[in-house]
Amino acid sequence: MKLRRWPAHQIVWRWHFYAALFCIPFILLLSVTGGLYLFKPQLEAALDSRYEHLQLTGPAVSAQQQVAAALKAVPGAVLHAYELPLAPQSAVRILVRQQQVISRVYVHPQTLEILHISREDARFMRVMHELHGNLLLGARGSYLVELAASWSIVMVMTGLYLWWPKA
């Protein structure tokens, strides 16, 4: 009489297969977004490079005037943060909040010209962060990521069982 091994090889393989079908898309997405997030300083510097080498003819105006120009560009906003310029010829970045929306305003330090306005939640690295953390779905996306992480453990454990040499 031959003893039957438990669990059956086919059952473990099936669990491994279905766990992989569910997990692999999440693992690939999280790998790409996490890899991009590792290079956040370099990517943000590249995306903001057009605001780093401005032509200046004299000294910059006061920070108070720069903030006033940014607030004028976004009506009804209040000051949220002031980022110091990275270099003397860099644009000033002023974060303003209008209700629950935070916007980044790029201001020329001398002429007070508004070079660009962008919502903080629409910036590339912020989108990558949200995609990585919750798939842009809020709490439900976070639950899906956690579920995929849990099933990844099942996939690893069943993979080890299938790989382990049989006596």
N, C-alpha and C. Protein backbone atom coordinates (compact mmCIF):
# COMPACT_ATOMS: atom_id res chain seq x y z
N MET A 1 0.84 -1.18 0.00
CA MET A 1 0.00 0.00 0.00
C MET A 1 0.89 1.25 0.00
N LYS A 2 0.63 2.14 -0.96
CA LYS A 2 1.42 3.36 -1.08
C LYS A 2 0.76 4.47 -0.26
N LEU A 3 1.59 5.13 0.57
CA LEU A 3 1.07 6.23 1.38
C LEU A 3 0.94 7.48 0.53
N ARG A 4 -0.14 8.16 0.71
CA ARG A 4 -0.38 9.40 -0.02
C ARG A 4 0.26 10.56 0.75
N ARG A 5 1.04 11.36 0.05
CA ARG A 5 1.65 12.54 0.69
C ARG A 5 0.62 13.64 0.81
N TRP A 6 0.70 14.36 1.90
CA TRP A 6 -0.19 15.49 2.07
C TRP A 6 0.65 16.74 2.16
N PRO A 7 0.29 17.81 1.59
CA PRO A 7 -0.81 17.96 0.64
C PRO A 7 -0.37 17.47 -0.74
N ALA A 8 -1.34 17.18 -1.53
CA ALA A 8 -1.05 16.67 -2.87
C ALA A 8 -0.32 17.73 -3.68
N HIS A 9 0.63 17.28 -4.46
CA HIS A 9 1.47 18.17 -5.26
C HIS A 9 0.61 19.05 -6.18
N GLN A 10 -0.43 18.48 -6.78
CA GLN A 10 -1.28 19.24 -7.70
C GLN A 10 -2.03 20.38 -6.97
N ILE A 11 -2.43 20.11 -5.74
CA ILE A 11 -3.16 21.14 -4.98
C ILE A 11 -2.23 22.30 -4.65
N VAL A 12 -1.02 22.00 -4.21
CA VAL A 12 -0.07 23.05 -3.87
C VAL A 12 0.30 23.84 -5.14
N TRP A 13 0.49 23.13 -6.24
CA TRP A 13 0.83 23.81 -7.48
C TRP A 13 -0.31 24.75 -7.90
N ARG A 14 -1.53 24.31 -7.72
CA ARG A 14 -2.69 25.14 -8.09
C ARG A 14 -2.74 26.40 -7.23
N TRP A 15 -2.50 26.29 -5.92
CA TRP A 15 -2.47 27.46 -5.04
C TRP A 15 -1.36 28.42 -5.47
N HIS A 16 -0.21 27.85 -5.80
CA HIS A 16 0.93 28.65 -6.24
C HIS A 16 0.58 29.40 -7.54
N PHE A 17 -0.04 28.70 -8.45
CA PHE A 17 -0.39 29.28 -9.75
C PHE A 17 -1.39 30.43 -9.57
N TYR A 18 -2.45 30.22 -8.81
CA TYR A 18 -3.46 31.27 -8.64
C TYR A 18 -2.93 32.45 -7.83
N ALA A 19 -2.09 32.17 -6.86
CA ALA A 19 -1.47 33.27 -6.10
C ALA A 19 -0.60 34.11 -7.03
N ALA A 20 0.13 33.44 -7.92
CA ALA A 20 0.99 34.18 -8.86
C ALA A 20 0.15 35.00 -9.83
N LEU A 21 -0.95 34.43 -10.33
CA LEU A 21 -1.82 35.18 -11.24
C LEU A 21 -2.32 36.47 -10.60
N PHE A 22 -2.64 36.40 -9.34
CA PHE A 22 -3.13 37.58 -8.63
C PHE A 22 -1.99 38.55 -8.30
N CYS A 23 -0.86 38.04 -7.87
CA CYS A 23 0.21 38.89 -7.33
C CYS A 23 1.12 39.53 -8.38
N ILE A 24 1.41 38.82 -9.44
CA ILE A 24 2.42 39.31 -10.39
C ILE A 24 2.10 40.71 -10.93
N PRO A 25 0.88 41.04 -11.33
CA PRO A 25 0.63 42.42 -11.80
C PRO A 25 0.94 43.47 -10.72
N PHE A 26 0.59 43.18 -9.47
CA PHE A 26 0.87 44.11 -8.38
C PHE A 26 2.37 44.23 -8.15
N ILE A 27 3.06 43.11 -8.17
CA ILE A 27 4.51 43.12 -7.94
C ILE A 27 5.21 43.93 -9.03
N LEU A 28 4.81 43.74 -10.28
CA LEU A 28 5.41 44.50 -11.37
C LEU A 28 5.15 46.00 -11.22
N LEU A 29 3.91 46.38 -10.94
CA LEU A 29 3.56 47.79 -10.78
C LEU A 29 4.31 48.40 -9.60
N LEU A 30 4.34 47.71 -8.47
CA LEU A 30 5.01 48.23 -7.30
C LEU A 30 6.52 48.32 -7.51
N SER A 31 7.07 47.40 -8.28
CA SER A 31 8.51 47.45 -8.58
C SER A 31 8.85 48.68 -9.42
N VAL A 32 8.04 48.94 -10.42
CA VAL A 32 8.30 50.09 -11.30
C VAL A 32 8.12 51.40 -10.54
N THR A 33 7.01 51.55 -9.84
CA THR A 33 6.76 52.81 -9.13
C THR A 33 7.75 53.00 -7.98
N GLY A 34 8.09 51.93 -7.28
CA GLY A 34 9.09 52.03 -6.22
C GLY A 34 10.46 52.36 -6.77
N GLY A 35 10.80 51.77 -7.92
CA GLY A 35 12.08 52.08 -8.55
C GLY A 35 12.16 53.54 -8.98
N LEU A 36 11.08 54.06 -9.53
CA LEU A 36 11.05 55.48 -9.91
C LEU A 36 11.17 56.37 -8.67
N TYR A 37 10.52 55.97 -7.60
CA TYR A 37 10.53 56.78 -6.39
C TYR A 37 11.93 56.86 -5.77
N LEU A 38 12.76 55.85 -6.03
CA LEU A 38 14.14 55.90 -5.54
C LEU A 38 14.91 57.07 -6.13
N PHE A 39 14.53 57.48 -7.33
CA PHE A 39 15.21 58.56 -8.02
C PHE A 39 14.42 59.86 -7.97
N LYS A 40 13.65 60.05 -6.92
CA LYS A 40 12.81 61.24 -6.78
C LYS A 40 13.59 62.54 -6.93
N PRO A 41 14.72 62.73 -6.23
CA PRO A 41 15.42 64.02 -6.38
C PRO A 41 15.88 64.28 -7.82
N GLN A 42 16.40 63.26 -8.46
CA GLN A 42 16.89 63.43 -9.83
C GLN A 42 15.74 63.69 -10.81
N LEU A 43 14.64 62.96 -10.65
CA LEU A 43 13.50 63.15 -11.55
C LEU A 43 12.86 64.52 -11.36
N GLU A 44 12.68 64.93 -10.12
CA GLU A 44 12.08 66.24 -9.88
C GLU A 44 12.99 67.36 -10.38
N ALA A 45 14.31 67.18 -10.22
CA ALA A 45 15.24 68.19 -10.74
C ALA A 45 15.14 68.27 -12.27
N ALA A 46 15.02 67.13 -12.92
CA ALA A 46 14.90 67.13 -14.38
C ALA A 46 13.58 67.78 -14.83
N LEU A 47 12.50 67.49 -14.11
CA LEU A 47 11.20 68.06 -14.48
C LEU A 47 11.14 69.57 -14.23
N ASP A 48 11.89 70.05 -13.24
CA ASP A 48 11.89 71.48 -12.91
C ASP A 48 13.08 72.22 -13.50
N SER A 49 13.84 71.58 -14.38
CA SER A 49 15.08 72.19 -14.88
C SER A 49 14.84 73.50 -15.63
N ARG A 50 13.70 73.65 -16.26
CA ARG A 50 13.46 74.89 -17.03
C ARG A 50 13.28 76.11 -16.12
N TYR A 51 13.13 75.88 -14.81
CA TYR A 51 12.98 77.00 -13.87
C TYR A 51 14.25 77.23 -13.05
N GLU A 52 15.35 76.61 -13.46
CA GLU A 52 16.59 76.69 -12.68
C GLU A 52 17.60 77.69 -13.22
N HIS A 53 17.55 78.05 -14.48
CA HIS A 53 18.58 78.91 -15.07
C HIS A 53 17.93 80.13 -15.72
N LEU A 54 17.36 80.96 -14.88
CA LEU A 54 16.69 82.17 -15.36
C LEU A 54 17.70 83.29 -15.59
N GLN A 55 17.37 84.18 -16.49
CA GLN A 55 18.23 85.34 -16.75
C GLN A 55 17.90 86.42 -15.71
N LEU A 56 18.87 86.75 -14.90
CA LEU A 56 18.69 87.78 -13.88
C LEU A 56 19.59 88.96 -14.21
N THR A 57 19.08 90.18 -13.99
CA THR A 57 19.87 91.38 -14.29
C THR A 57 20.23 92.15 -13.03
N GLY A 58 19.75 91.75 -11.90
CA GLY A 58 20.03 92.45 -10.66
C GLY A 58 19.55 91.62 -9.48
N PRO A 59 19.40 92.28 -8.34
CA PRO A 59 18.97 91.53 -7.14
C PRO A 59 17.48 91.15 -7.22
N ALA A 60 17.15 90.11 -6.49
CA ALA A 60 15.76 89.64 -6.42
C ALA A 60 14.94 90.58 -5.54
N VAL A 61 13.65 90.64 -5.80
CA VAL A 61 12.76 91.43 -4.95
C VAL A 61 12.54 90.67 -3.65
N SER A 62 11.89 91.27 -2.71
CA SER A 62 11.71 90.66 -1.40
C SER A 62 10.81 89.42 -1.48
N ALA A 63 10.98 88.55 -0.51
CA ALA A 63 10.16 87.34 -0.44
C ALA A 63 8.68 87.71 -0.25
N GLN A 64 8.42 88.78 0.47
CA GLN A 64 7.04 89.21 0.68
C GLN A 64 6.36 89.59 -0.64
N GLN A 65 7.08 90.25 -1.53
CA GLN A 65 6.53 90.62 -2.84
C GLN A 65 6.33 89.37 -3.70
N GLN A 66 7.25 88.41 -3.61
CA GLN A 66 7.12 87.16 -4.36
C GLN A 66 5.88 86.39 -3.90
N VAL A 67 5.67 86.33 -2.59
CA VAL A 67 4.49 85.65 -2.06
C VAL A 67 3.22 86.37 -2.51
N ALA A 68 3.23 87.69 -2.48
CA ALA A 68 2.06 88.46 -2.91
C ALA A 68 1.73 88.18 -4.37
N ALA A 69 2.76 88.05 -5.22
CA ALA A 69 2.53 87.75 -6.64
C ALA A 69 1.93 86.36 -6.80
N ALA A 70 2.41 85.41 -6.02
CA ALA A 70 1.87 84.05 -6.09
C ALA A 70 0.41 84.00 -5.62
N LEU A 71 0.12 84.72 -4.55
CA LEU A 71 -1.25 84.74 -4.04
C LEU A 71 -2.20 85.45 -5.02
N LYS A 72 -1.69 86.45 -5.72
CA LYS A 72 -2.49 87.15 -6.72
C LYS A 72 -2.80 86.23 -7.90
N ALA A 73 -1.86 85.33 -8.22
CA ALA A 73 -2.03 84.41 -9.36
C ALA A 73 -3.07 83.33 -9.07
N VAL A 74 -3.27 83.02 -7.78
CA VAL A 74 -4.27 82.01 -7.39
C VAL A 74 -5.25 82.70 -6.45
N PRO A 75 -6.32 83.28 -6.98
CA PRO A 75 -7.26 84.05 -6.16
C PRO A 75 -7.87 83.21 -5.03
N GLY A 76 -7.95 83.82 -3.87
CA GLY A 76 -8.55 83.16 -2.72
C GLY A 76 -7.62 82.20 -2.00
N ALA A 77 -6.36 82.14 -2.39
CA ALA A 77 -5.41 81.22 -1.78
C ALA A 77 -4.71 81.87 -0.59
N VAL A 78 -4.17 81.03 0.27
CA VAL A 78 -3.35 81.49 1.39
C VAL A 78 -1.98 80.80 1.29
N LEU A 79 -0.99 81.43 1.89
CA LEU A 79 0.36 80.89 1.85
C LEU A 79 0.42 79.57 2.60
N HIS A 80 0.98 78.57 1.96
CA HIS A 80 1.18 77.26 2.60
C HIS A 80 2.65 77.04 2.93
N ALA A 81 3.55 77.36 1.98
CA ALA A 81 4.98 77.19 2.20
C ALA A 81 5.76 78.02 1.20
N TYR A 82 6.97 78.36 1.58
CA TYR A 82 7.88 79.09 0.71
C TYR A 82 9.14 78.26 0.61
N GLU A 83 9.48 77.80 -0.60
CA GLU A 83 10.70 77.03 -0.79
C GLU A 83 11.81 77.97 -1.21
N LEU A 84 12.92 77.88 -0.53
CA LEU A 84 14.06 78.71 -0.89
C LEU A 84 14.57 78.29 -2.26
N PRO A 85 14.98 79.23 -3.08
CA PRO A 85 15.52 78.88 -4.39
C PRO A 85 16.78 78.03 -4.24
N LEU A 86 16.97 77.07 -5.15
CA LEU A 86 18.13 76.19 -5.09
C LEU A 86 19.41 76.94 -5.43
N ALA A 87 19.31 77.93 -6.30
CA ALA A 87 20.45 78.74 -6.72
C ALA A 87 19.96 80.17 -6.92
N PRO A 88 20.86 81.15 -6.99
CA PRO A 88 20.41 82.54 -7.17
C PRO A 88 19.60 82.75 -8.45
N GLN A 89 19.85 81.97 -9.50
CA GLN A 89 19.13 82.15 -10.76
C GLN A 89 17.92 81.23 -10.88
N SER A 90 17.52 80.59 -9.78
CA SER A 90 16.35 79.68 -9.79
C SER A 90 15.06 80.44 -9.52
N ALA A 91 13.99 79.90 -10.05
CA ALA A 91 12.67 80.46 -9.75
C ALA A 91 12.31 80.14 -8.30
N VAL A 92 11.51 81.00 -7.74
CA VAL A 92 11.03 80.79 -6.38
C VAL A 92 9.80 79.90 -6.46
N ARG A 93 9.73 78.91 -5.59
CA ARG A 93 8.58 78.01 -5.55
C ARG A 93 7.77 78.34 -4.30
N ILE A 94 6.54 78.73 -4.54
CA ILE A 94 5.66 79.10 -3.43
C ILE A 94 4.46 78.18 -3.47
N LEU A 95 4.19 77.54 -2.35
CA LEU A 95 3.04 76.65 -2.24
C LEU A 95 1.90 77.44 -1.61
N VAL A 96 0.77 77.43 -2.30
CA VAL A 96 -0.41 78.14 -1.81
C VAL A 96 -1.56 77.13 -1.69
N ARG A 97 -2.43 77.41 -0.73
CA ARG A 97 -3.56 76.51 -0.49
C ARG A 97 -4.85 77.27 -0.73
N GLN A 98 -5.69 76.65 -1.55
CA GLN A 98 -7.01 77.20 -1.84
C GLN A 98 -8.02 76.12 -1.46
N GLN A 99 -8.68 76.30 -0.33
CA GLN A 99 -9.53 75.28 0.29
C GLN A 99 -8.66 74.07 0.59
N GLN A 100 -8.90 72.92 -0.04
CA GLN A 100 -8.08 71.73 0.24
C GLN A 100 -7.03 71.47 -0.84
N VAL A 101 -6.94 72.33 -1.83
CA VAL A 101 -6.03 72.13 -2.96
C VAL A 101 -4.76 72.95 -2.74
N ILE A 102 -3.62 72.27 -2.82
CA ILE A 102 -2.33 72.95 -2.71
C ILE A 102 -1.74 73.05 -4.10
N SER A 103 -1.31 74.26 -4.45
CA SER A 103 -0.70 74.50 -5.76
C SER A 103 0.71 75.03 -5.57
N ARG A 104 1.56 74.70 -6.53
CA ARG A 104 2.95 75.18 -6.55
C ARG A 104 3.02 76.27 -7.61
N VAL A 105 3.47 77.45 -7.19
CA VAL A 105 3.57 78.59 -8.09
C VAL A 105 5.06 78.92 -8.26
N TYR A 106 5.50 78.91 -9.51
CA TYR A 106 6.89 79.26 -9.84
C TYR A 106 6.92 80.74 -10.18
N VAL A 107 7.67 81.51 -9.42
CA VAL A 107 7.72 82.97 -9.59
C VAL A 107 9.14 83.39 -9.96
N HIS A 108 9.25 84.24 -10.97
CA HIS A 108 10.55 84.82 -11.33
C HIS A 108 10.98 85.72 -10.17
N PRO A 109 12.19 85.55 -9.64
CA PRO A 109 12.58 86.29 -8.43
C PRO A 109 12.75 87.79 -8.62
N GLN A 110 12.87 88.27 -9.86
CA GLN A 110 13.03 89.71 -10.09
C GLN A 110 11.78 90.35 -10.66
N THR A 111 11.26 89.75 -11.72
CA THR A 111 10.14 90.38 -12.42
C THR A 111 8.79 90.02 -11.81
N LEU A 112 8.75 89.04 -10.95
CA LEU A 112 7.52 88.52 -10.33
C LEU A 112 6.58 87.90 -11.35
N GLU A 113 7.12 87.58 -12.51
CA GLU A 113 6.33 86.89 -13.53
C GLU A 113 6.00 85.48 -13.04
N ILE A 114 4.77 85.08 -13.23
CA ILE A 114 4.36 83.72 -12.88
C ILE A 114 4.78 82.81 -14.03
N LEU A 115 5.72 81.92 -13.75
CA LEU A 115 6.26 81.05 -14.79
C LEU A 115 5.41 79.80 -14.99
N HIS A 116 4.83 79.31 -13.91
CA HIS A 116 4.03 78.08 -14.01
C HIS A 116 3.26 77.88 -12.70
N ILE A 117 2.08 77.30 -12.82
CA ILE A 117 1.29 76.91 -11.65
C ILE A 117 0.89 75.45 -11.84
N SER A 118 1.15 74.64 -10.83
CA SER A 118 0.75 73.22 -10.91
C SER A 118 0.20 72.77 -9.57
N ARG A 119 -0.77 71.89 -9.65
CA ARG A 119 -1.34 71.31 -8.43
C ARG A 119 -0.34 70.30 -7.87
N GLU A 120 -0.16 70.32 -6.56
CA GLU A 120 0.78 69.39 -5.93
C GLU A 120 0.36 67.94 -6.12
N ASP A 121 -0.93 67.67 -6.08
CA ASP A 121 -1.39 66.28 -6.21
C ASP A 121 -1.29 65.77 -7.65
N ALA A 122 -0.97 66.64 -8.60
CA ALA A 122 -0.83 66.23 -10.00
C ALA A 122 0.63 66.13 -10.43
N ARG A 123 1.55 66.46 -9.54
CA ARG A 123 2.98 66.37 -9.89
C ARG A 123 3.36 64.90 -10.07
N PHE A 124 4.29 64.65 -10.97
CA PHE A 124 4.65 63.29 -11.37
C PHE A 124 5.02 62.41 -10.18
N MET A 125 5.89 62.87 -9.31
CA MET A 125 6.34 62.02 -8.20
C MET A 125 5.23 61.82 -7.17
N ARG A 126 4.33 62.76 -7.05
CA ARG A 126 3.20 62.58 -6.14
C ARG A 126 2.26 61.51 -6.68
N VAL A 127 2.04 61.52 -7.99
CA VAL A 127 1.19 60.50 -8.61
C VAL A 127 1.85 59.12 -8.44
N MET A 128 3.18 59.05 -8.63
CA MET A 128 3.89 57.77 -8.44
C MET A 128 3.76 57.29 -7.01
N HIS A 129 3.84 58.21 -6.06
CA HIS A 129 3.70 57.85 -4.64
C HIS A 129 2.30 57.29 -4.36
N GLU A 130 1.30 57.95 -4.88
CA GLU A 130 -0.08 57.49 -4.67
C GLU A 130 -0.34 56.17 -5.39
N LEU A 131 0.19 56.03 -6.58
CA LEU A 131 0.04 54.78 -7.33
C LEU A 131 0.71 53.63 -6.59
N HIS A 132 1.87 53.89 -6.03
CA HIS A 132 2.61 52.86 -5.30
C HIS A 132 1.90 52.49 -4.00
N GLY A 133 1.35 53.47 -3.32
CA GLY A 133 0.76 53.21 -2.01
C GLY A 133 -0.66 52.71 -2.05
N ASN A 134 -1.47 53.22 -2.97
CA ASN A 134 -2.88 52.83 -2.95
C ASN A 134 -3.51 52.72 -4.34
N LEU A 135 -2.69 52.62 -5.37
CA LEU A 135 -3.17 52.41 -6.74
C LEU A 135 -4.12 53.51 -7.21
N LEU A 136 -4.03 54.68 -6.62
CA LEU A 136 -4.90 55.83 -6.91
C LEU A 136 -6.36 55.53 -6.56
N LEU A 137 -6.58 54.57 -5.66
CA LEU A 137 -7.93 54.19 -5.29
C LEU A 137 -8.25 54.48 -3.82
N GLY A 138 -7.39 55.18 -3.13
CA GLY A 138 -7.62 55.48 -1.73
C GLY A 138 -7.47 54.24 -0.87
N ALA A 139 -8.33 54.12 0.14
CA ALA A 139 -8.23 53.01 1.09
C ALA A 139 -8.43 51.66 0.41
N ARG A 140 -9.33 51.59 -0.56
CA ARG A 140 -9.56 50.31 -1.26
C ARG A 140 -8.29 49.84 -1.97
N GLY A 141 -7.59 50.75 -2.58
CA GLY A 141 -6.34 50.40 -3.25
C GLY A 141 -5.29 49.93 -2.27
N SER A 142 -5.25 50.57 -1.11
CA SER A 142 -4.32 50.15 -0.06
C SER A 142 -4.63 48.73 0.40
N TYR A 143 -5.92 48.42 0.51
CA TYR A 143 -6.32 47.05 0.89
C TYR A 143 -5.90 46.04 -0.17
N LEU A 144 -6.03 46.42 -1.44
CA LEU A 144 -5.61 45.52 -2.52
C LEU A 144 -4.10 45.27 -2.48
N VAL A 145 -3.33 46.31 -2.22
CA VAL A 145 -1.88 46.15 -2.12
C VAL A 145 -1.53 45.22 -0.96
N GLU A 146 -2.20 45.40 0.17
CA GLU A 146 -1.95 44.53 1.33
C GLU A 146 -2.38 43.09 1.05
N LEU A 147 -3.48 42.93 0.34
CA LEU A 147 -3.93 41.59 -0.03
C LEU A 147 -2.92 40.91 -0.95
N ALA A 148 -2.40 41.66 -1.91
CA ALA A 148 -1.38 41.11 -2.81
C ALA A 148 -0.12 40.74 -2.03
N ALA A 149 0.25 41.55 -1.05
CA ALA A 149 1.42 41.22 -0.23
C ALA A 149 1.19 39.93 0.55
N SER A 150 -0.01 39.77 1.07
CA SER A 150 -0.33 38.54 1.80
C SER A 150 -0.29 37.32 0.88
N TRP A 151 -0.86 37.46 -0.30
CA TRP A 151 -0.85 36.33 -1.24
C TRP A 151 0.55 36.07 -1.78
N SER A 152 1.40 37.08 -1.76
CA SER A 152 2.80 36.86 -2.15
C SER A 152 3.48 35.91 -1.17
N ILE A 153 3.11 36.00 0.09
CA ILE A 153 3.66 35.06 1.08
C ILE A 153 3.21 33.65 0.75
N VAL A 154 1.93 33.49 0.38
CA VAL A 154 1.43 32.17 -0.02
C VAL A 154 2.20 31.69 -1.25
N MET A 155 2.44 32.59 -2.20
CA MET A 155 3.15 32.21 -3.41
C MET A 155 4.58 31.75 -3.08
N VAL A 156 5.26 32.47 -2.19
CA VAL A 156 6.63 32.09 -1.82
C VAL A 156 6.64 30.75 -1.08
N MET A 157 5.73 30.58 -0.15
CA MET A 157 5.71 29.34 0.63
C MET A 157 5.38 28.12 -0.25
N THR A 158 4.40 28.26 -1.11
CA THR A 158 4.07 27.13 -1.99
C THR A 158 5.18 26.90 -3.01
N GLY A 159 5.83 27.97 -3.45
CA GLY A 159 6.96 27.83 -4.37
C GLY A 159 8.11 27.09 -3.72
N LEU A 160 8.39 27.40 -2.46
CA LEU A 160 9.44 26.68 -1.74
C LEU A 160 9.08 25.20 -1.59
N TYR A 161 7.82 24.93 -1.27
CA TYR A 161 7.37 23.54 -1.13
C TYR A 161 7.55 22.79 -2.45
N LEU A 162 7.18 23.40 -3.55
CA LEU A 162 7.30 22.75 -4.84
C LEU A 162 8.77 22.57 -5.27
N TRP A 163 9.60 23.50 -4.89
CA TRP A 163 11.01 23.47 -5.27
C TRP A 163 11.82 22.49 -4.41
N TRP A 164 11.44 22.36 -3.14
CA TRP A 164 12.22 21.57 -2.19
C TRP A 164 12.36 20.13 -2.69
N PRO A 165 13.58 19.60 -2.65
CA PRO A 165 13.80 18.23 -3.15
C PRO A 165 12.98 17.21 -2.35
N LYS A 166 12.38 16.29 -3.08
CA LYS A 166 11.55 15.25 -2.44
C LYS A 166 12.44 14.07 -2.08
N ALA A 167 12.19 13.47 -0.93
CA ALA A 167 13.00 12.32 -0.49
C ALA A 167 12.57 11.04 -1.16
